[in-house]
């Protein structure tokens, strides 16, 4: 599987991980790779079971956990935003429907926009909310919580 992914995206970066094969994918190639991973019958990654946003201080990252229910294999893909303040990645909800609400949650709490998402709007917070509470640089003057 490792060689297959690196063959599809030669500039992907493989990360050692004891549980999942993990790759960092250039953002511009993420959508195209996702289409191939789902539609190629030898791969058949038909299920996105987790999508989450991570604030790595210098950049924002989206982590995709996918599985082939046909072949029984799993994979983790990561894509980093080029711009921390106006981070954006292409949506994958046209490939895996489960991504639609996950992407709305990441947008709401992390501020990462998903290009071509059919309904990108706040999911938990009210429309007038300022900021993104899961970012490490977020401050809330009203509900002061510090670790």
N, C-alpha and C. Protein backbone atom coordinates (compact mmCIF):
# COMPACT_ATOMS: atom_id res chain seq x y z
N UNK A 1 0.83 -1.19 0.00
CA UNK A 1 0.00 0.00 0.00
C UNK A 1 0.88 1.26 0.00
N UNK A 2 1.97 1.22 0.78
CA UNK A 2 2.86 2.38 0.86
C UNK A 2 3.37 2.75 -0.53
N UNK A 3 3.87 1.77 -1.26
CA UNK A 3 4.40 2.03 -2.60
C UNK A 3 3.32 2.53 -3.55
N UNK A 4 2.13 2.00 -3.38
CA UNK A 4 1.01 2.42 -4.25
C UNK A 4 0.68 3.89 -4.04
N UNK A 5 0.57 4.33 -2.79
CA UNK A 5 0.26 5.74 -2.49
C UNK A 5 1.39 6.63 -2.99
N UNK A 6 2.63 6.24 -2.73
CA UNK A 6 3.77 7.05 -3.18
C UNK A 6 3.87 7.06 -4.71
N UNK A 7 3.38 6.01 -5.35
CA UNK A 7 3.31 6.00 -6.81
C UNK A 7 2.27 6.97 -7.34
N UNK A 8 1.16 7.10 -6.63
CA UNK A 8 0.10 8.03 -7.04
C UNK A 8 0.48 9.48 -6.75
N UNK A 9 1.16 9.69 -5.62
CA UNK A 9 1.57 11.05 -5.22
C UNK A 9 3.04 10.97 -4.78
N UNK A 10 3.96 11.09 -5.74
CA UNK A 10 5.38 10.94 -5.41
C UNK A 10 5.90 11.93 -4.37
N UNK A 11 5.28 13.11 -4.28
CA UNK A 11 5.75 14.09 -3.30
C UNK A 11 5.02 13.98 -1.96
N UNK A 12 4.28 12.90 -1.77
CA UNK A 12 3.68 12.65 -0.45
C UNK A 12 4.79 12.26 0.52
N UNK A 13 4.54 12.52 1.78
CA UNK A 13 5.53 12.18 2.82
C UNK A 13 4.97 11.06 3.68
N UNK A 14 5.69 9.97 3.78
CA UNK A 14 5.27 8.85 4.60
C UNK A 14 5.68 9.11 6.05
N UNK A 15 4.77 8.87 6.99
CA UNK A 15 5.06 9.01 8.42
C UNK A 15 4.96 7.65 9.09
N UNK A 16 5.96 7.33 9.89
CA UNK A 16 5.91 6.09 10.65
C UNK A 16 4.79 6.18 11.69
N UNK A 17 3.98 5.14 11.76
CA UNK A 17 2.86 5.10 12.69
C UNK A 17 2.59 3.63 12.96
N UNK A 18 2.49 3.24 14.21
CA UNK A 18 2.31 1.82 14.55
C UNK A 18 0.91 1.30 14.23
N UNK A 19 -0.07 2.19 14.18
CA UNK A 19 -1.44 1.72 13.97
C UNK A 19 -1.90 1.84 12.51
N UNK A 20 -1.57 2.95 11.84
CA UNK A 20 -2.06 3.20 10.49
C UNK A 20 -0.90 3.57 9.56
N UNK A 21 -1.02 3.23 8.29
CA UNK A 21 -0.16 3.83 7.29
C UNK A 21 -0.58 5.29 7.20
N UNK A 22 0.37 6.20 7.33
CA UNK A 22 0.04 7.63 7.39
C UNK A 22 0.87 8.40 6.38
N UNK A 23 0.20 9.28 5.65
CA UNK A 23 0.86 10.08 4.62
C UNK A 23 0.46 11.54 4.74
N UNK A 24 1.42 12.42 4.55
CA UNK A 24 1.13 13.85 4.42
C UNK A 24 1.05 14.12 2.92
N UNK A 25 -0.10 14.61 2.50
CA UNK A 25 -0.38 14.81 1.08
C UNK A 25 -0.36 16.31 0.78
N UNK A 26 0.30 16.73 -0.29
CA UNK A 26 0.22 18.15 -0.67
C UNK A 26 -1.24 18.54 -0.88
N UNK A 27 -1.67 19.68 -0.33
CA UNK A 27 -3.09 20.05 -0.40
C UNK A 27 -3.66 20.05 -1.82
N UNK A 28 -2.90 20.49 -2.78
CA UNK A 28 -3.40 20.56 -4.15
C UNK A 28 -3.69 19.18 -4.75
N UNK A 29 -3.14 18.13 -4.15
CA UNK A 29 -3.32 16.77 -4.69
C UNK A 29 -4.27 15.92 -3.86
N UNK A 30 -4.76 16.46 -2.76
CA UNK A 30 -5.59 15.68 -1.85
C UNK A 30 -6.88 15.19 -2.50
N UNK A 31 -7.61 16.08 -3.16
CA UNK A 31 -8.91 15.70 -3.73
C UNK A 31 -8.75 14.64 -4.82
N UNK A 32 -7.80 14.84 -5.70
CA UNK A 32 -7.57 13.88 -6.78
C UNK A 32 -7.18 12.51 -6.22
N UNK A 33 -6.32 12.50 -5.20
CA UNK A 33 -5.95 11.23 -4.57
C UNK A 33 -7.16 10.57 -3.93
N UNK A 34 -7.98 11.36 -3.24
CA UNK A 34 -9.16 10.80 -2.58
C UNK A 34 -10.10 10.15 -3.59
N UNK A 35 -10.28 10.77 -4.74
CA UNK A 35 -11.13 10.17 -5.78
C UNK A 35 -10.57 8.82 -6.21
N UNK A 36 -9.26 8.77 -6.44
CA UNK A 36 -8.62 7.51 -6.85
C UNK A 36 -8.75 6.45 -5.77
N UNK A 37 -8.51 6.84 -4.53
CA UNK A 37 -8.59 5.87 -3.43
C UNK A 37 -9.98 5.26 -3.30
N UNK A 38 -11.00 6.04 -3.61
CA UNK A 38 -12.36 5.50 -3.52
C UNK A 38 -12.75 4.70 -4.76
N UNK A 39 -12.41 5.19 -5.93
CA UNK A 39 -12.94 4.58 -7.16
C UNK A 39 -12.12 3.43 -7.72
N UNK A 40 -10.84 3.35 -7.37
CA UNK A 40 -10.02 2.24 -7.84
C UNK A 40 -10.45 0.97 -7.09
N UNK A 41 -10.92 -0.03 -7.81
CA UNK A 41 -11.48 -1.23 -7.18
C UNK A 41 -10.44 -2.03 -6.37
N UNK A 42 -9.17 -1.86 -6.68
CA UNK A 42 -8.14 -2.56 -5.91
C UNK A 42 -7.86 -1.86 -4.59
N UNK A 43 -8.29 -0.62 -4.45
CA UNK A 43 -8.13 0.14 -3.21
C UNK A 43 -9.46 0.24 -2.47
N UNK A 44 -10.49 0.75 -3.14
CA UNK A 44 -11.88 0.81 -2.66
C UNK A 44 -12.03 1.39 -1.25
N UNK A 45 -11.39 2.53 -1.00
CA UNK A 45 -11.58 3.19 0.28
C UNK A 45 -12.95 3.88 0.26
N UNK A 46 -13.95 3.15 0.69
CA UNK A 46 -15.34 3.59 0.57
C UNK A 46 -15.89 4.26 1.83
N UNK A 47 -15.09 4.38 2.87
CA UNK A 47 -15.62 4.87 4.15
C UNK A 47 -14.63 5.82 4.81
N UNK A 48 -15.04 7.07 5.00
CA UNK A 48 -14.28 8.03 5.79
C UNK A 48 -14.86 7.96 7.20
N UNK A 49 -14.10 7.44 8.15
CA UNK A 49 -14.66 7.27 9.49
C UNK A 49 -14.25 8.35 10.48
N UNK A 50 -13.31 9.19 10.10
CA UNK A 50 -12.95 10.30 10.98
C UNK A 50 -12.26 11.38 10.16
N UNK A 51 -12.62 12.61 10.42
CA UNK A 51 -11.96 13.76 9.83
C UNK A 51 -11.83 14.77 10.95
N UNK A 52 -10.62 15.24 11.21
CA UNK A 52 -10.44 16.19 12.31
C UNK A 52 -9.42 17.25 11.93
N UNK A 53 -9.54 18.39 12.59
CA UNK A 53 -8.60 19.49 12.39
C UNK A 53 -7.63 19.54 13.56
N UNK A 54 -6.38 19.90 13.26
CA UNK A 54 -5.35 19.98 14.28
C UNK A 54 -4.60 21.30 14.12
N UNK A 55 -4.42 22.00 15.22
CA UNK A 55 -3.63 23.23 15.22
C UNK A 55 -2.20 22.85 15.62
N UNK A 56 -1.28 22.96 14.69
CA UNK A 56 0.12 22.62 14.95
C UNK A 56 0.96 23.88 15.18
N UNK A 57 0.33 24.98 15.53
CA UNK A 57 0.90 26.29 15.81
C UNK A 57 1.42 26.97 14.54
N UNK A 58 2.30 26.33 13.79
CA UNK A 58 2.83 26.95 12.57
C UNK A 58 1.91 26.74 11.36
N UNK A 59 1.05 25.75 11.43
CA UNK A 59 0.12 25.46 10.35
C UNK A 59 -1.08 24.73 10.92
N UNK A 60 -2.14 24.67 10.13
CA UNK A 60 -3.33 23.89 10.48
C UNK A 60 -3.32 22.65 9.60
N UNK A 61 -3.84 21.56 10.14
CA UNK A 61 -3.80 20.28 9.44
C UNK A 61 -5.16 19.61 9.55
N UNK A 62 -5.55 18.93 8.49
CA UNK A 62 -6.75 18.10 8.52
C UNK A 62 -6.30 16.65 8.38
N UNK A 63 -6.84 15.80 9.25
CA UNK A 63 -6.48 14.39 9.28
C UNK A 63 -7.70 13.58 8.86
N UNK A 64 -7.49 12.72 7.86
CA UNK A 64 -8.55 11.90 7.29
C UNK A 64 -8.25 10.43 7.59
N UNK A 65 -9.15 9.75 8.28
CA UNK A 65 -9.04 8.30 8.51
C UNK A 65 -10.02 7.63 7.56
N UNK A 66 -9.50 6.79 6.68
CA UNK A 66 -10.37 6.14 5.70
C UNK A 66 -10.17 4.62 5.76
N UNK A 67 -11.20 3.92 5.28
CA UNK A 67 -11.19 2.46 5.33
C UNK A 67 -11.84 1.88 4.09
N UNK A 68 -11.36 0.72 3.69
CA UNK A 68 -12.04 -0.06 2.67
C UNK A 68 -12.81 -1.15 3.40
N UNK A 69 -14.13 -1.05 3.37
CA UNK A 69 -14.94 -2.09 4.01
C UNK A 69 -14.94 -3.36 3.17
N UNK A 70 -14.53 -3.24 1.93
CA UNK A 70 -14.45 -4.40 1.03
C UNK A 70 -13.18 -5.20 1.29
N UNK A 71 -12.03 -4.49 1.36
CA UNK A 71 -10.73 -5.16 1.51
C UNK A 71 -10.24 -5.19 2.95
N UNK A 72 -10.83 -4.37 3.82
CA UNK A 72 -10.46 -4.38 5.24
C UNK A 72 -9.18 -3.63 5.58
N UNK A 73 -8.73 -2.72 4.70
CA UNK A 73 -7.54 -1.96 5.04
C UNK A 73 -7.90 -0.51 5.39
N UNK A 74 -7.03 0.11 6.17
CA UNK A 74 -7.24 1.49 6.63
C UNK A 74 -6.00 2.33 6.31
N UNK A 75 -6.22 3.64 6.28
CA UNK A 75 -5.17 4.57 5.90
C UNK A 75 -5.45 5.91 6.56
N UNK A 76 -4.41 6.66 6.87
CA UNK A 76 -4.56 8.03 7.37
C UNK A 76 -3.86 8.96 6.40
N UNK A 77 -4.58 10.00 6.01
CA UNK A 77 -4.04 11.04 5.15
C UNK A 77 -4.07 12.35 5.91
N UNK A 78 -3.05 13.16 5.74
CA UNK A 78 -3.01 14.47 6.37
C UNK A 78 -2.73 15.50 5.28
N UNK A 79 -3.41 16.63 5.39
CA UNK A 79 -3.16 17.75 4.48
C UNK A 79 -3.02 19.01 5.32
N UNK A 80 -2.01 19.79 5.00
CA UNK A 80 -1.73 21.02 5.75
C UNK A 80 -2.14 22.23 4.93
N UNK A 81 -2.71 23.21 5.63
CA UNK A 81 -3.10 24.43 4.94
C UNK A 81 -1.86 25.27 4.66
N UNK A 82 -1.86 25.95 3.54
CA UNK A 82 -0.73 26.79 3.17
C UNK A 82 -0.72 28.09 3.98
N UNK A 83 -1.88 28.51 4.41
CA UNK A 83 -2.03 29.78 5.11
C UNK A 83 -2.77 29.54 6.42
N UNK A 84 -2.12 29.80 7.53
CA UNK A 84 -2.73 29.56 8.84
C UNK A 84 -3.94 30.45 9.09
N UNK A 85 -3.86 31.70 8.71
CA UNK A 85 -4.94 32.64 8.99
C UNK A 85 -6.16 32.44 8.09
N UNK A 86 -5.94 32.04 6.87
CA UNK A 86 -7.04 31.81 5.93
C UNK A 86 -6.91 30.42 5.32
N UNK A 87 -6.76 29.43 6.19
CA UNK A 87 -6.54 28.06 5.74
C UNK A 87 -7.71 27.52 4.95
N UNK A 88 -7.40 26.85 3.85
CA UNK A 88 -8.45 26.26 3.02
C UNK A 88 -7.93 24.99 2.35
N UNK A 89 -8.83 24.02 2.23
CA UNK A 89 -8.56 22.77 1.50
C UNK A 89 -9.80 22.46 0.68
N UNK A 90 -9.64 21.64 -0.34
CA UNK A 90 -10.81 21.20 -1.11
C UNK A 90 -11.64 20.24 -0.28
N UNK A 91 -12.94 20.32 -0.41
CA UNK A 91 -13.83 19.40 0.29
C UNK A 91 -13.65 17.98 -0.24
N UNK A 92 -13.95 17.01 0.60
CA UNK A 92 -14.01 15.62 0.15
C UNK A 92 -15.42 15.06 0.36
N UNK A 93 -16.37 15.94 0.69
CA UNK A 93 -17.73 15.44 0.94
C UNK A 93 -18.43 15.00 -0.35
N UNK A 94 -17.89 15.39 -1.51
CA UNK A 94 -18.42 14.87 -2.76
C UNK A 94 -17.93 13.44 -3.01
N UNK A 95 -16.92 13.01 -2.26
CA UNK A 95 -16.37 11.66 -2.37
C UNK A 95 -16.92 10.78 -1.26
N UNK A 96 -16.84 11.27 -0.03
CA UNK A 96 -17.36 10.57 1.14
C UNK A 96 -18.37 11.48 1.84
N UNK A 97 -19.64 11.11 1.81
CA UNK A 97 -20.71 11.94 2.39
C UNK A 97 -20.50 12.21 3.88
N UNK A 98 -19.84 11.30 4.58
CA UNK A 98 -19.62 11.50 6.01
C UNK A 98 -18.77 12.73 6.29
N UNK A 99 -18.05 13.21 5.30
CA UNK A 99 -17.18 14.38 5.49
C UNK A 99 -17.98 15.67 5.64
N UNK A 100 -19.20 15.70 5.17
CA UNK A 100 -19.96 16.95 5.14
C UNK A 100 -20.08 17.59 6.53
N UNK A 101 -20.51 16.84 7.52
CA UNK A 101 -20.64 17.41 8.87
C UNK A 101 -19.29 17.55 9.57
N UNK A 102 -18.39 16.62 9.31
CA UNK A 102 -17.04 16.74 9.89
C UNK A 102 -16.36 18.03 9.43
N UNK A 103 -16.48 18.35 8.15
CA UNK A 103 -15.87 19.56 7.62
C UNK A 103 -16.53 20.81 8.20
N UNK A 104 -17.82 20.77 8.41
CA UNK A 104 -18.48 21.91 9.05
C UNK A 104 -17.98 22.11 10.48
N UNK A 105 -17.76 21.03 11.19
CA UNK A 105 -17.24 21.13 12.56
C UNK A 105 -15.83 21.73 12.56
N UNK A 106 -14.97 21.25 11.67
CA UNK A 106 -13.60 21.76 11.59
C UNK A 106 -13.61 23.24 11.19
N UNK A 107 -14.48 23.59 10.26
CA UNK A 107 -14.61 25.00 9.87
C UNK A 107 -15.03 25.86 11.06
N UNK A 108 -16.01 25.41 11.79
CA UNK A 108 -16.56 26.16 12.91
C UNK A 108 -15.54 26.34 14.03
N UNK A 109 -14.89 25.27 14.42
CA UNK A 109 -14.02 25.30 15.60
C UNK A 109 -12.56 25.60 15.31
N UNK A 110 -12.12 25.38 14.05
CA UNK A 110 -10.72 25.62 13.70
C UNK A 110 -10.54 26.73 12.66
N UNK A 111 -11.59 27.03 11.91
CA UNK A 111 -11.50 28.09 10.90
C UNK A 111 -10.95 27.65 9.56
N UNK A 112 -10.85 26.37 9.31
CA UNK A 112 -10.37 25.89 8.01
C UNK A 112 -11.57 25.84 7.05
N UNK A 113 -11.44 26.53 5.93
CA UNK A 113 -12.50 26.55 4.93
C UNK A 113 -12.33 25.35 3.99
N UNK A 114 -13.45 24.81 3.53
CA UNK A 114 -13.42 23.68 2.60
C UNK A 114 -14.05 24.13 1.29
N UNK A 115 -13.20 24.35 0.31
CA UNK A 115 -13.62 24.83 -1.01
C UNK A 115 -14.58 23.84 -1.65
N UNK A 116 -15.66 24.37 -2.20
CA UNK A 116 -16.71 23.60 -2.88
C UNK A 116 -17.59 22.79 -1.94
N UNK A 117 -17.52 23.05 -0.64
CA UNK A 117 -18.45 22.39 0.29
C UNK A 117 -19.85 22.92 0.02
N UNK A 118 -20.86 22.08 -0.03
CA UNK A 118 -22.21 22.53 -0.40
C UNK A 118 -22.93 23.35 0.67
N UNK A 119 -22.49 23.30 1.92
CA UNK A 119 -23.22 23.98 2.99
C UNK A 119 -22.27 24.34 4.14
N UNK A 120 -21.21 25.09 3.84
CA UNK A 120 -20.21 25.41 4.85
C UNK A 120 -20.70 26.58 5.70
N UNK A 121 -21.17 26.22 6.88
CA UNK A 121 -21.63 27.22 7.85
C UNK A 121 -21.37 26.70 9.24
N UNK A 122 -21.51 27.57 10.23
CA UNK A 122 -21.27 27.18 11.61
C UNK A 122 -22.09 25.94 11.96
N UNK A 123 -21.51 25.11 12.82
CA UNK A 123 -22.16 23.86 13.20
C UNK A 123 -22.55 23.87 14.67
N UNK A 124 -21.66 24.36 15.55
CA UNK A 124 -21.91 24.40 16.98
C UNK A 124 -22.14 25.82 17.49
N UNK A 125 -21.40 26.77 16.97
CA UNK A 125 -21.41 28.13 17.49
C UNK A 125 -22.39 29.00 16.71
N UNK A 126 -22.88 30.04 17.37
CA UNK A 126 -23.81 30.93 16.69
C UNK A 126 -23.09 31.74 15.61
N UNK A 127 -23.85 32.23 14.64
CA UNK A 127 -23.28 32.92 13.48
C UNK A 127 -22.41 34.12 13.84
N UNK A 128 -22.71 34.82 14.91
CA UNK A 128 -21.94 36.00 15.27
C UNK A 128 -20.67 35.73 16.05
N UNK A 129 -20.37 34.48 16.31
CA UNK A 129 -19.20 34.13 17.13
C UNK A 129 -17.92 34.61 16.46
N UNK A 130 -17.03 35.18 17.26
CA UNK A 130 -15.75 35.67 16.74
C UNK A 130 -14.64 34.69 17.13
N UNK A 131 -13.91 34.21 16.16
CA UNK A 131 -12.78 33.32 16.43
C UNK A 131 -13.13 31.86 16.31
N UNK A 132 -12.12 31.05 16.60
CA UNK A 132 -12.24 29.60 16.46
C UNK A 132 -11.65 28.96 17.71
N UNK A 133 -12.52 28.49 18.62
CA UNK A 133 -12.09 28.09 19.96
C UNK A 133 -11.12 26.91 20.07
N UNK A 134 -10.93 26.12 19.04
CA UNK A 134 -9.96 25.02 19.16
C UNK A 134 -8.57 25.38 18.65
N UNK A 135 -8.40 26.62 18.23
CA UNK A 135 -7.05 27.06 17.86
C UNK A 135 -6.27 27.40 19.12
N UNK A 136 -5.00 27.11 19.09
CA UNK A 136 -4.16 27.33 20.26
C UNK A 136 -3.99 28.81 20.61
N UNK A 137 -4.18 29.68 19.64
CA UNK A 137 -4.03 31.12 19.90
C UNK A 137 -5.36 31.80 20.24
N UNK A 138 -6.42 31.02 20.41
CA UNK A 138 -7.74 31.59 20.71
C UNK A 138 -7.79 32.06 22.16
N UNK A 139 -8.33 33.25 22.35
CA UNK A 139 -8.56 33.76 23.70
C UNK A 139 -10.02 34.16 23.82
N UNK A 140 -10.57 33.88 24.97
CA UNK A 140 -11.98 34.19 25.25
C UNK A 140 -12.01 35.02 26.52
N UNK A 141 -12.18 36.32 26.37
CA UNK A 141 -12.14 37.24 27.50
C UNK A 141 -13.32 37.02 28.46
N UNK A 142 -14.42 36.46 27.96
CA UNK A 142 -15.60 36.27 28.81
C UNK A 142 -15.48 35.00 29.64
N UNK A 143 -15.18 33.90 28.99
CA UNK A 143 -15.06 32.60 29.67
C UNK A 143 -13.60 32.23 29.78
N UNK A 144 -12.88 32.89 30.63
CA UNK A 144 -11.43 32.70 30.72
C UNK A 144 -11.12 31.30 31.20
N UNK A 145 -10.47 30.53 30.34
CA UNK A 145 -10.01 29.19 30.68
C UNK A 145 -8.57 29.11 30.26
N UNK A 146 -7.69 28.92 31.18
CA UNK A 146 -6.28 28.81 30.87
C UNK A 146 -5.73 27.54 31.48
N UNK A 147 -4.84 26.91 30.76
CA UNK A 147 -4.20 25.69 31.24
C UNK A 147 -2.81 25.97 31.71
